[in-house]
Amino acid sequence: MEKLLLIPGPSPVHPRIIHSLAQPTVSHVGPEMAEELPRALANLKRIVFCERGEAFAIAGAGTLAMEMALLNTVDRGDRVLIVSQGYFGERLAEICAAFGLDHDLVSGEPGAAVPPERL
């Protein structure tokens, strides 16, 4: 058995994954994508337990997804409460500030719940 080192790269990749990555790319506006995307989103909804909700595949960084979620649910003049327990909560506060959105940040210790009385 090959030794598995959990260090920052290079990471061992299963040959099945390497084979998949070697396939020709598919255009995001082509018929293959139009056929595959509904199935991919249905599978995503099952994986994240939101079969009655809506799933989105976003071609971008996690920060883009956070911006999209925030800017599509908050109007100017709304106030956002961010309960943060680490990096992503802090990042959401930075995004609010960058877009001039009023927000309150309640920070907790990473790995620990923020007590309700702090809210």
C-alpha atoms as a PDB file:
ATOM      1  CA  MET A   1       0.000   0.000   0.000  1.00  0.00           C
ATOM      2  CA  GLU A   2       1.216   3.474  -0.886  1.00  0.00           C
ATOM      3  CA  LYS A   3       1.912   5.795   2.044  1.00  0.00           C
ATOM      4  CA  LEU A   4      -0.589   8.669   2.342  1.00  0.00           C
ATOM      5  CA  LEU A   5       0.957  11.928   3.503  1.00  0.00           C
ATOM      6  CA  LEU A   6      -1.481  14.662   4.465  1.00  0.00           C
ATOM      7  CA  ILE A   7       0.716  17.575   3.487  1.00  0.00           C
ATOM      8  CA  PRO A   8       0.051  20.509   1.158  1.00  0.00           C
ATOM      9  CA  GLY A   9       0.474  18.808  -2.230  1.00  0.00           C
ATOM     10  CA  PRO A  10       1.132  17.134  -4.378  1.00  0.00           C
ATOM     11  CA  SER A  11      -1.962  15.132  -3.458  1.00  0.00           C
ATOM     12  CA  PRO A  12      -2.522  11.603  -4.733  1.00  0.00           C
ATOM     13  CA  VAL A  13      -5.387  11.495  -7.241  1.00  0.00           C
ATOM     14  CA  HIS A  14      -7.310   8.329  -8.132  1.00  0.00           C
ATOM     15  CA  PRO A  15      -6.824   7.235 -11.773  1.00  0.00           C
ATOM     16  CA  ARG A  16     -10.613   7.476 -12.338  1.00  0.00           C
ATOM     17  CA  ILE A  17     -10.439  11.187 -11.525  1.00  0.00           C
ATOM     18  CA  ILE A  18      -7.394  11.709 -13.751  1.00  0.00           C
ATOM     19  CA  HIS A  19      -9.274   9.996 -16.610  1.00  0.00           C
ATOM     20  CA  SER A  20     -12.328  12.210 -16.087  1.00  0.00           C
ATOM     21  CA  LEU A  21     -10.193  15.349 -16.109  1.00  0.00           C
ATOM     22  CA  ALA A  22      -8.579  14.235 -19.378  1.00  0.00           C
ATOM     23  CA  GLN A  23     -11.919  14.315 -21.226  1.00  0.00           C
ATOM     24  CA  PRO A  24     -12.640  17.163 -23.667  1.00  0.00           C
ATOM     25  CA  THR A  25     -14.251  20.199 -22.083  1.00  0.00           C
ATOM     26  CA  VAL A  26     -17.926  20.958 -22.660  1.00  0.00           C
ATOM     27  CA  SER A  27     -19.136  24.417 -23.639  1.00  0.00           C
ATOM     28  CA  HIS A  28     -21.245  26.129 -20.998  1.00  0.00           C
ATOM     29  CA  VAL A  29     -23.674  27.135 -23.775  1.00  0.00           C
ATOM     30  CA  GLY A  30     -23.628  23.842 -25.669  1.00  0.00           C
ATOM     31  CA  PRO A  31     -26.291  21.129 -25.875  1.00  0.00           C
ATOM     32  CA  GLU A  32     -24.306  18.776 -23.621  1.00  0.00           C
ATOM     33  CA  MET A  33     -24.454  21.287 -20.774  1.00  0.00           C
ATOM     34  CA  ALA A  34     -28.168  21.907 -21.342  1.00  0.00           C
ATOM     35  CA  GLU A  35     -28.733  18.168 -21.046  1.00  0.00           C
ATOM     36  CA  GLU A  36     -26.458  17.502 -18.068  1.00  0.00           C
ATOM     37  CA  LEU A  37     -27.101  20.554 -15.872  1.00  0.00           C
ATOM     38  CA  PRO A  38     -30.638  19.615 -14.718  1.00  0.00           C
ATOM     39  CA  ARG A  39     -29.396  16.172 -13.621  1.00  0.00           C
ATOM     40  CA  ALA A  40     -26.377  17.669 -11.890  1.00  0.00           C
ATOM     41  CA  LEU A  41     -28.568  20.155  -9.995  1.00  0.00           C
ATOM     42  CA  ALA A  42     -31.028  17.415  -9.014  1.00  0.00           C
ATOM     43  CA  ASN A  43     -28.129  15.365  -7.629  1.00  0.00           C
ATOM     44  CA  LEU A  44     -26.759  18.439  -5.817  1.00  0.00           C
ATOM     45  CA  LYS A  45     -30.149  19.007  -4.179  1.00  0.00           C
ATOM     46  CA  ARG A  46     -30.159  15.411  -2.899  1.00  0.00           C
ATOM     47  CA  ILE A  47     -26.600  15.687  -1.601  1.00  0.00           C
ATOM     48  CA  VAL A  48     -27.274  18.883   0.388  1.00  0.00           C
ATOM     49  CA  PHE A  49     -30.777  17.799   1.504  1.00  0.00           C
ATOM     50  CA  CYS A  50     -32.725  20.566  -0.224  1.00  0.00           C
ATOM     51  CA  GLU A  51     -34.824  18.591  -2.710  1.00  0.00           C
ATOM     52  CA  ARG A  52     -37.706  21.080  -2.388  1.00  0.00           C
ATOM     53  CA  GLY A  53     -35.403  24.097  -2.568  1.00  0.00           C
ATOM     54  CA  GLU A  54     -33.333  25.589  -5.344  1.00  0.00           C
ATOM     55  CA  ALA A  55     -29.700  24.703  -6.041  1.00  0.00           C
ATOM     56  CA  PHE A  56     -27.217  26.775  -8.014  1.00  0.00           C
ATOM     57  CA  ALA A  57     -23.947  25.785  -9.623  1.00  0.00           C
ATOM     58  CA  ILE A  58     -21.714  28.845  -9.590  1.00  0.00           C
ATOM     59  CA  ALA A  59     -18.623  29.083 -11.757  1.00  0.00           C
ATOM     60  CA  GLY A  60     -16.500  31.142  -9.414  1.00  0.00           C
ATOM     61  CA  ALA A  61     -14.902  31.339  -6.017  1.00  0.00           C
ATOM     62  CA  GLY A  62     -16.799  30.949  -2.764  1.00  0.00           C
ATOM     63  CA  THR A  63     -16.636  34.707  -2.299  1.00  0.00           C
ATOM     64  CA  LEU A  64     -18.637  35.123  -5.513  1.00  0.00           C
ATOM     65  CA  ALA A  65     -21.323  32.785  -4.152  1.00  0.00           C
ATOM     66  CA  MET A  66     -21.425  34.735  -0.883  1.00  0.00           C
ATOM     67  CA  GLU A  67     -21.759  38.049  -2.771  1.00  0.00           C
ATOM     68  CA  MET A  68     -24.526  36.649  -4.972  1.00  0.00           C
ATOM     69  CA  ALA A  69     -26.477  35.300  -2.019  1.00  0.00           C
ATOM     70  CA  LEU A  70     -26.131  38.540  -0.081  1.00  0.00           C
ATOM     71  CA  LEU A  71     -26.874  40.969  -2.908  1.00  0.00           C
ATOM     72  CA  ASN A  72     -29.903  38.984  -4.076  1.00  0.00           C
ATOM     73  CA  THR A  73     -31.544  38.856  -0.647  1.00  0.00           C
ATOM     74  CA  VAL A  74     -30.705  42.210   0.964  1.00  0.00           C
ATOM     75  CA  ASP A  75     -31.959  45.636  -0.108  1.00  0.00           C
ATOM     76  CA  ARG A  76     -30.233  48.926   0.592  1.00  0.00           C
ATOM     77  CA  GLY A  77     -31.465  50.127   3.965  1.00  0.00           C
ATOM     78  CA  ASP A  78     -31.775  46.568   5.326  1.00  0.00           C
ATOM     79  CA  ARG A  79     -29.543  45.647   8.223  1.00  0.00           C
ATOM     80  CA  VAL A  80     -27.682  42.321   8.160  1.00  0.00           C
ATOM     81  CA  LEU A  81     -26.862  40.336  11.300  1.00  0.00           C
ATOM     82  CA  ILE A  82     -23.782  38.182  10.828  1.00  0.00           C
ATOM     83  CA  VAL A  83     -23.102  35.528  13.453  1.00  0.00           C
ATOM     84  CA  SER A  84     -19.481  34.618  12.878  1.00  0.00           C
ATOM     85  CA  GLN A  85     -17.442  31.758  14.207  1.00  0.00           C
ATOM     86  CA  GLY A  86     -14.463  32.250  11.972  1.00  0.00           C
ATOM     87  CA  TYR A  87     -13.183  33.161   8.554  1.00  0.00           C
ATOM     88  CA  PHE A  88     -16.384  32.969   6.493  1.00  0.00           C
ATOM     89  CA  GLY A  89     -18.418  35.104   8.866  1.00  0.00           C
ATOM     90  CA  GLU A  90     -15.647  37.685   8.908  1.00  0.00           C
ATOM     91  CA  ARG A  91     -15.520  37.514   5.100  1.00  0.00           C
ATOM     92  CA  LEU A  92     -19.270  38.138   4.889  1.00  0.00           C
ATOM     93  CA  ALA A  93     -18.822  41.264   7.030  1.00  0.00           C
ATOM     94  CA  GLU A  94     -16.099  42.451   4.636  1.00  0.00           C
ATOM     95  CA  ILE A  95     -18.454  41.927   1.696  1.00  0.00           C
ATOM     96  CA  CYS A  96     -21.202  43.913   3.434  1.00  0.00           C
ATOM     97  CA  ALA A  97     -18.755  46.744   4.080  1.00  0.00           C
ATOM     98  CA  ALA A  98     -17.496  46.683   0.488  1.00  0.00           C
ATOM     99  CA  PHE A  99     -21.042  47.108  -0.824  1.00  0.00           C
ATOM    100  CA  GLY A 100     -22.008  49.703   1.782  1.00  0.00           C
ATOM    101  CA  LEU A 101     -24.563  47.448   3.503  1.00  0.00           C
ATOM    102  CA  ASP A 102     -25.433  48.111   7.143  1.00  0.00           C
ATOM    103  CA  HIS A 103     -24.467  45.122   9.226  1.00  0.00           C
ATOM    104  CA  ASP A 104     -23.799  43.955  12.754  1.00  0.00           C
ATOM    105  CA  LEU A 105     -21.138  41.355  13.418  1.00  0.00           C
ATOM    106  CA  VAL A 106     -21.418  39.084  16.454  1.00  0.00           C
ATOM    107  CA  SER A 107     -18.247  37.006  16.682  1.00  0.00           C
ATOM    108  CA  GLY A 108     -17.807  33.823  18.637  1.00  0.00           C
ATOM    109  CA  GLU A 109     -14.930  31.500  19.245  1.00  0.00           C
ATOM    110  CA  PRO A 110     -14.197  29.149  16.344  1.00  0.00           C
ATOM    111  CA  GLY A 111     -15.827  25.798  17.024  1.00  0.00           C
ATOM    112  CA  ALA A 112     -18.146  27.143  19.729  1.00  0.00           C
ATOM    113  CA  ALA A 113     -21.754  28.256  19.388  1.00  0.00           C
ATOM    114  CA  VAL A 114     -22.597  31.903  19.900  1.00  0.00           C
ATOM    115  CA  PRO A 115     -24.959  31.978  22.908  1.00  0.00           C
ATOM    116  CA  PRO A 116     -28.472  33.303  22.139  1.00  0.00           C
ATOM    117  CA  GLU A 117     -28.148  36.050  24.736  1.00  0.00           C
ATOM    118  CA  ARG A 118     -25.322  37.595  22.640  1.00  0.00           C
ATOM    119  CA  LEU A 119     -27.804  38.111  19.824  1.00  0.00           C
END
